[in-house]
Amino acid sequence: MQRANILLALTQDGAATTIAAYLLASLFFKWVISWGGAQILAASKMAAWLCDFWGQADNPEQIRLCALILWILASVWALLWLLYLILKS
């Protein structure tokens, strides 16, 4: 019975939206960290919005570090939000 309640909680209150948004964000961070996105962002000077609060992102290593930190924060936020949705129901 408890398992059914947890599954019901995950299908209501935007949990599916949270999971979908987290998966899309994870795909973006994976692209930046592993698939060469950091070089593209560094070359086109488009990483300012990603790392603006830590200073200038001049090289791909800084961009990868910013993406990794933001990915960790997004993971913690998503897990806490899903835990809240489960406990709320």
C-alpha atoms as a PDB file:
ATOM      1  CA  MET A   1       0.000   0.000   0.000  1.00  0.00           C
ATOM      2  CA  GLN A   2       2.841   2.379   0.827  1.00  0.00           C
ATOM      3  CA  ARG A   3       4.462   1.723  -2.547  1.00  0.00           C
ATOM      4  CA  ALA A   4       1.239   2.631  -4.352  1.00  0.00           C
ATOM      5  CA  ASN A   5       1.032   5.879  -2.399  1.00  0.00           C
ATOM      6  CA  ILE A   6       4.587   6.798  -3.378  1.00  0.00           C
ATOM      7  CA  LEU A   7       3.894   6.061  -7.048  1.00  0.00           C
ATOM      8  CA  LEU A   8       0.705   8.098  -6.869  1.00  0.00           C
ATOM      9  CA  ALA A   9       2.604  10.992  -5.314  1.00  0.00           C
ATOM     10  CA  LEU A  10       5.167  10.910  -8.111  1.00  0.00           C
ATOM     11  CA  THR A  11       2.484  11.192 -10.777  1.00  0.00           C
ATOM     12  CA  GLN A  12       0.785  14.167  -9.143  1.00  0.00           C
ATOM     13  CA  ASP A  13       1.841  17.667  -8.097  1.00  0.00           C
ATOM     14  CA  GLY A  14       4.369  18.193 -10.856  1.00  0.00           C
ATOM     15  CA  ALA A  15       6.724  15.349  -9.997  1.00  0.00           C
ATOM     16  CA  ALA A  16       6.783  14.212 -13.618  1.00  0.00           C
ATOM     17  CA  THR A  17       7.618  17.767 -14.668  1.00  0.00           C
ATOM     18  CA  THR A  18      10.388  17.910 -12.080  1.00  0.00           C
ATOM     19  CA  ILE A  19      11.870  14.649 -13.313  1.00  0.00           C
ATOM     20  CA  ALA A  20      11.658  15.734 -16.959  1.00  0.00           C
ATOM     21  CA  ALA A  21      13.260  19.114 -16.217  1.00  0.00           C
ATOM     22  CA  TYR A  22      16.028  17.448 -14.227  1.00  0.00           C
ATOM     23  CA  LEU A  23      16.749  14.995 -17.046  1.00  0.00           C
ATOM     24  CA  LEU A  24      16.945  17.823 -19.598  1.00  0.00           C
ATOM     25  CA  ALA A  25      19.230  19.847 -17.330  1.00  0.00           C
ATOM     26  CA  SER A  26      21.390  16.769 -16.766  1.00  0.00           C
ATOM     27  CA  LEU A  27      21.687  16.278 -20.506  1.00  0.00           C
ATOM     28  CA  PHE A  28      22.866  19.894 -20.882  1.00  0.00           C
ATOM     29  CA  PHE A  29      25.400  19.566 -18.055  1.00  0.00           C
ATOM     30  CA  LYS A  30      26.630  16.257 -19.511  1.00  0.00           C
ATOM     31  CA  TRP A  31      27.118  18.015 -22.847  1.00  0.00           C
ATOM     32  CA  VAL A  32      29.119  20.807 -21.218  1.00  0.00           C
ATOM     33  CA  ILE A  33      31.260  18.529 -19.056  1.00  0.00           C
ATOM     34  CA  SER A  34      31.902  15.524 -21.297  1.00  0.00           C
ATOM     35  CA  TRP A  35      30.849  16.063 -24.886  1.00  0.00           C
ATOM     36  CA  GLY A  36      32.776  19.202 -25.824  1.00  0.00           C
ATOM     37  CA  GLY A  37      30.210  21.814 -24.918  1.00  0.00           C
ATOM     38  CA  ALA A  38      32.695  23.701 -22.752  1.00  0.00           C
ATOM     39  CA  GLN A  39      34.955  24.348 -25.747  1.00  0.00           C
ATOM     40  CA  ILE A  40      32.026  25.641 -27.776  1.00  0.00           C
ATOM     41  CA  LEU A  41      30.849  27.898 -24.957  1.00  0.00           C
ATOM     42  CA  ALA A  42      34.380  29.200 -24.346  1.00  0.00           C
ATOM     43  CA  ALA A  43      34.992  29.848 -28.035  1.00  0.00           C
ATOM     44  CA  SER A  44      31.743  31.710 -28.503  1.00  0.00           C
ATOM     45  CA  LYS A  45      31.979  33.604 -25.178  1.00  0.00           C
ATOM     46  CA  MET A  46      28.512  32.319 -24.249  1.00  0.00           C
ATOM     47  CA  ALA A  47      29.469  31.003 -20.799  1.00  0.00           C
ATOM     48  CA  ALA A  48      29.019  34.344 -19.048  1.00  0.00           C
ATOM     49  CA  TRP A  49      25.451  33.467 -18.043  1.00  0.00           C
ATOM     50  CA  LEU A  50      26.611  30.078 -16.731  1.00  0.00           C
ATOM     51  CA  CYS A  51      29.486  31.270 -14.536  1.00  0.00           C
ATOM     52  CA  ASP A  52      28.856  34.977 -14.096  1.00  0.00           C
ATOM     53  CA  PHE A  53      28.596  34.798 -10.319  1.00  0.00           C
ATOM     54  CA  TRP A  54      32.104  33.217 -10.040  1.00  0.00           C
ATOM     55  CA  GLY A  55      33.831  35.644 -12.351  1.00  0.00           C
ATOM     56  CA  GLN A  56      34.856  35.348 -15.956  1.00  0.00           C
ATOM     57  CA  ALA A  57      34.862  31.905 -17.501  1.00  0.00           C
ATOM     58  CA  ASP A  58      37.885  32.246 -19.744  1.00  0.00           C
ATOM     59  CA  ASN A  59      38.697  28.613 -20.405  1.00  0.00           C
ATOM     60  CA  PRO A  60      36.847  25.299 -20.742  1.00  0.00           C
ATOM     61  CA  GLU A  61      38.099  24.035 -17.378  1.00  0.00           C
ATOM     62  CA  GLN A  62      36.386  26.881 -15.524  1.00  0.00           C
ATOM     63  CA  ILE A  63      33.204  26.297 -17.494  1.00  0.00           C
ATOM     64  CA  ARG A  64      33.298  22.576 -16.668  1.00  0.00           C
ATOM     65  CA  LEU A  65      33.762  23.363 -12.966  1.00  0.00           C
ATOM     66  CA  CYS A  66      30.814  25.770 -12.985  1.00  0.00           C
ATOM     67  CA  ALA A  67      28.669  23.208 -14.793  1.00  0.00           C
ATOM     68  CA  LEU A  68      29.643  20.495 -12.312  1.00  0.00           C
ATOM     69  CA  ILE A  69      28.769  22.673  -9.310  1.00  0.00           C
ATOM     70  CA  LEU A  70      25.460  23.705 -10.860  1.00  0.00           C
ATOM     71  CA  TRP A  71      24.688  20.066 -11.709  1.00  0.00           C
ATOM     72  CA  ILE A  72      25.281  19.040  -8.095  1.00  0.00           C
ATOM     73  CA  LEU A  73      23.028  21.853  -6.863  1.00  0.00           C
ATOM     74  CA  ALA A  74      20.325  20.894  -9.363  1.00  0.00           C
ATOM     75  CA  SER A  75      20.545  17.256  -8.258  1.00  0.00           C
ATOM     76  CA  VAL A  76      20.160  18.142  -4.588  1.00  0.00           C
ATOM     77  CA  TRP A  77      17.250  20.466  -5.369  1.00  0.00           C
ATOM     78  CA  ALA A  78      15.457  17.838  -7.463  1.00  0.00           C
ATOM     79  CA  LEU A  79      15.903  15.126  -4.837  1.00  0.00           C
ATOM     80  CA  LEU A  80      14.681  17.387  -2.042  1.00  0.00           C
ATOM     81  CA  TRP A  81      11.674  18.482  -4.094  1.00  0.00           C
ATOM     82  CA  LEU A  82      10.717  14.888  -4.919  1.00  0.00           C
ATOM     83  CA  LEU A  83      11.148  13.914  -1.273  1.00  0.00           C
ATOM     84  CA  TYR A  84       8.880  16.806  -0.307  1.00  0.00           C
ATOM     85  CA  LEU A  85       6.240  15.658  -2.789  1.00  0.00           C
ATOM     86  CA  ILE A  86       6.372  12.106  -1.443  1.00  0.00           C
ATOM     87  CA  LEU A  87       6.158  13.178   2.188  1.00  0.00           C
ATOM     88  CA  LYS A  88       3.394  15.677   1.468  1.00  0.00           C
ATOM     89  CA  SER A  89       1.029  13.007   0.196  1.00  0.00           C
END
